Protein backbone atom coordinates (compact mmCIF):
# COMPACT_ATOMS: atom_id res chain seq x y z
CA MET A 1 -39.96 -51.51 49.56
CA LYS A 2 -39.42 -47.91 48.46
CA ASP A 3 -41.85 -46.36 45.94
CA PRO A 4 -39.99 -46.05 42.55
CA GLY A 5 -41.66 -42.74 41.73
CA ILE A 6 -44.02 -41.41 39.11
CA PHE A 7 -41.80 -42.10 36.07
CA CYS A 8 -41.58 -45.83 36.76
CA LYS A 9 -45.26 -46.21 37.66
CA ASN A 10 -46.62 -44.51 34.60
CA ASN A 11 -45.32 -45.60 31.18
CA THR A 12 -47.45 -42.94 29.50
CA MET A 13 -45.49 -40.20 31.26
CA LYS A 14 -42.19 -41.77 30.15
CA GLN A 15 -43.37 -42.00 26.55
CA PHE A 16 -44.56 -38.40 26.61
CA LEU A 17 -41.18 -37.19 27.85
CA VAL A 18 -39.25 -39.26 25.30
CA TYR A 19 -41.43 -38.06 22.41
CA SER A 20 -41.22 -34.45 23.60
CA LEU A 21 -37.43 -34.66 23.77
CA PHE A 22 -37.27 -36.22 20.30
CA ILE A 23 -39.48 -33.51 18.78
CA ALA A 24 -37.46 -30.76 20.47
CA LEU A 25 -34.22 -32.21 19.07
CA VAL A 26 -35.66 -32.49 15.55
CA ILE A 27 -36.95 -28.92 15.59
CA SER A 28 -33.69 -27.50 16.94
CA GLY A 29 -31.74 -29.38 14.27
CA CYS A 30 -33.70 -27.78 11.43
CA ASP A 31 -31.65 -24.97 9.90
CA SER A 32 -32.23 -23.57 6.44
CA SER A 33 -29.26 -21.20 6.35
CA PRO A 34 -26.52 -21.98 3.81
CA LYS A 35 -23.33 -23.57 5.12
CA SER A 36 -21.29 -23.87 1.92
CA GLY A 37 -18.97 -21.16 0.70
CA LYS A 38 -19.35 -21.94 -2.98
CA GLY A 39 -21.13 -19.51 -5.24
CA ASP A 40 -23.69 -17.11 -3.84
CA THR A 41 -23.86 -17.41 -0.06
CA THR A 42 -26.78 -15.20 0.88
CA GLN A 43 -28.41 -14.23 4.12
CA SER A 44 -29.98 -11.02 2.91
CA GLN A 45 -30.08 -9.26 -0.42
CA ASN A 46 -29.82 -5.51 -0.80
CA ALA A 47 -29.11 -4.31 -4.33
CA THR A 48 -28.94 -0.63 -3.28
CA LEU A 49 -25.65 -0.79 -1.36
CA PRO A 50 -22.81 1.44 -2.60
CA VAL A 51 -20.12 -0.60 -4.38
CA VAL A 52 -16.55 -0.01 -3.15
CA GLN A 53 -13.34 -1.62 -4.40
CA ALA A 54 -11.21 -2.96 -1.54
CA GLY A 55 -8.37 -0.62 -2.57
CA GLU A 56 -10.69 2.39 -2.20
CA LEU A 57 -12.16 1.41 1.18
CA ALA A 58 -9.99 3.76 3.28
CA ALA A 59 -11.00 6.75 1.13
CA ALA A 60 -14.69 5.77 1.20
CA MET A 61 -14.61 5.64 5.01
CA GLU A 62 -12.48 8.73 5.58
CA THR A 63 -15.25 10.62 7.42
CA VAL A 64 -17.29 7.72 8.88
CA MET A 65 -16.63 4.91 11.36
CA GLU A 66 -19.24 2.48 9.95
CA LEU A 67 -20.64 2.01 6.48
CA GLU A 68 -22.91 -0.61 4.96
CA LEU A 69 -21.64 -1.38 1.48
CA GLN A 70 -20.79 -3.93 -1.17
CA LEU A 71 -17.04 -4.63 -1.13
CA THR A 72 -15.31 -6.07 -4.20
CA GLY A 73 -11.80 -7.41 -4.35
CA THR A 74 -9.56 -10.43 -4.21
CA ILE A 75 -9.50 -12.87 -1.31
CA VAL A 76 -5.94 -13.11 0.06
CA GLU A 77 -6.50 -15.29 3.13
CA VAL A 78 -9.18 -17.65 4.46
CA CYS A 79 -9.54 -19.43 7.79
CA HIS A 80 -7.94 -22.78 7.02
CA GLY A 81 -9.89 -24.57 9.75
CA SER A 82 -13.47 -23.91 8.72
CA GLY A 83 -13.65 -20.90 6.39
CA CYS A 84 -15.21 -18.77 9.15
CA TRP A 85 -13.36 -15.57 8.11
CA LEU A 86 -11.46 -14.16 5.15
CA GLU A 87 -9.23 -11.21 4.33
CA MET A 88 -9.32 -8.98 1.25
CA ASP A 89 -6.33 -6.96 0.07
CA MET A 90 -6.75 -3.18 0.36
CA GLY A 91 -3.35 -2.39 -1.13
CA ASP A 92 -0.37 -0.81 0.68
CA GLY A 93 -0.10 -3.92 2.86
CA GLN A 94 -3.50 -3.34 4.48
CA ARG A 95 -6.24 -5.94 4.59
CA VAL A 96 -9.87 -5.89 5.62
CA LEU A 97 -10.96 -8.76 7.88
CA VAL A 98 -14.35 -10.19 6.87
CA THR A 99 -16.26 -12.29 9.40
CA PHE A 100 -19.65 -13.95 9.26
CA PRO A 101 -22.46 -14.10 11.81
CA LYS A 102 -21.92 -17.13 14.05
CA ASP A 103 -23.02 -20.40 12.46
CA VAL A 104 -24.70 -18.70 9.48
CA TYR A 105 -22.28 -19.73 6.77
CA VAL A 106 -18.65 -20.23 5.87
CA VAL A 107 -16.61 -19.81 2.69
CA ASP A 108 -14.64 -22.38 0.74
CA THR A 109 -11.17 -22.70 2.26
CA THR A 110 -9.68 -22.83 -1.26
CA ALA A 111 -11.03 -19.37 -2.20
CA ILE A 112 -7.64 -17.63 -1.88
CA GLY A 113 -6.86 -15.63 -5.01
CA LYS A 114 -10.47 -15.57 -6.21
CA PRO A 115 -12.46 -12.38 -6.74
CA ALA A 116 -15.41 -11.83 -4.41
CA ILE A 117 -18.31 -9.46 -3.87
CA ILE A 118 -19.27 -9.08 -0.22
CA ASP A 119 -22.22 -7.17 1.26
CA GLY A 120 -22.12 -6.10 4.88
CA LEU A 121 -21.21 -3.54 7.52
CA VAL A 122 -17.63 -2.24 7.54
CA THR A 123 -16.27 -0.82 10.78
CA LYS A 124 -13.18 1.38 11.09
CA GLU A 125 -11.09 1.36 14.25
CA ILE A 126 -8.44 4.02 14.86
CA ILE A 127 -5.32 2.53 16.47
CA SER A 128 -3.54 5.14 18.60
CA VAL A 129 0.16 5.99 18.23
CA LYS A 130 0.79 4.79 21.79
CA ARG A 131 -0.77 1.39 21.08
CA LEU A 132 1.13 1.06 17.80
CA GLN A 133 4.38 1.88 19.59
CA LEU A 134 3.64 -0.68 22.32
CA GLN A 135 2.91 -3.33 19.68
CA ALA A 136 6.15 -2.51 17.88
CA ALA A 137 8.09 -2.77 21.14
CA ASP A 138 6.45 -6.13 21.91
CA GLU A 139 7.51 -7.35 18.47
CA GLY A 140 11.13 -6.38 19.17
CA ALA A 141 11.38 -3.19 17.10
CA SER A 142 14.35 -0.89 17.67
CA ASP A 143 13.98 2.47 19.45
CA GLU A 144 14.36 4.25 16.09
CA GLU A 145 11.53 2.19 14.57
CA ILE A 146 9.30 2.86 17.57
CA ASP A 147 10.04 6.62 17.47
CA ALA A 148 9.21 6.67 13.75
CA ILE A 149 5.58 5.77 14.57
CA THR A 150 3.94 9.19 14.73
CA GLN A 151 0.52 8.71 13.11
CA PRO A 152 -2.48 6.65 14.21
CA MET A 153 -3.55 3.84 11.89
CA SER A 154 -7.00 2.75 10.70
CA GLU A 155 -7.98 -0.93 10.75
CA PHE A 156 -11.05 -2.18 8.91
CA SER A 157 -13.29 -5.14 9.63
CA MET A 158 -16.53 -6.27 8.04
CA GLU A 159 -19.42 -8.48 9.10
CA ALA A 160 -20.76 -9.98 5.91
CA THR A 161 -24.41 -10.59 5.12
CA ARG A 162 -23.77 -11.91 1.61
CA VAL A 163 -20.71 -13.37 -0.12
CA ARG A 164 -20.35 -14.18 -3.80
CA ILE A 165 -17.13 -15.86 -4.91
CA LYS A 166 -16.49 -15.85 -8.63
């Protein structure tokens, strides 16, 4: 008869492995970060950040590509699936996309229309005229509409470290 191996011979070894696995699962399941989007959802607090209204974001970032700040404004869109991102209105049809570090927290999916204060790092990306024209062509714009695109456009995104929904 074939030897069944060390794990079948020694119950102590089996128990040790089972207990070790159980402890590892319990420890990995412990997470103290907030998951709810209601109220003050905080990862870090920094009261010294400059406060910028969403409508003034483009002007505040005119000469910089990144800026850590406190953004205030109205939430106009939220991820309907899990609340893992939101958009704030900047005026003139522009919006800033706000995301959160993976698995840190989410916001309430019913937060649309509510005022919010968001701390984090805002990044500006300059979209070239060529790319804007290609996007317009892909969307079926006429030649006149495509030729009318002559200026690059700035898009703003933010990774939040703190969200307060009022």
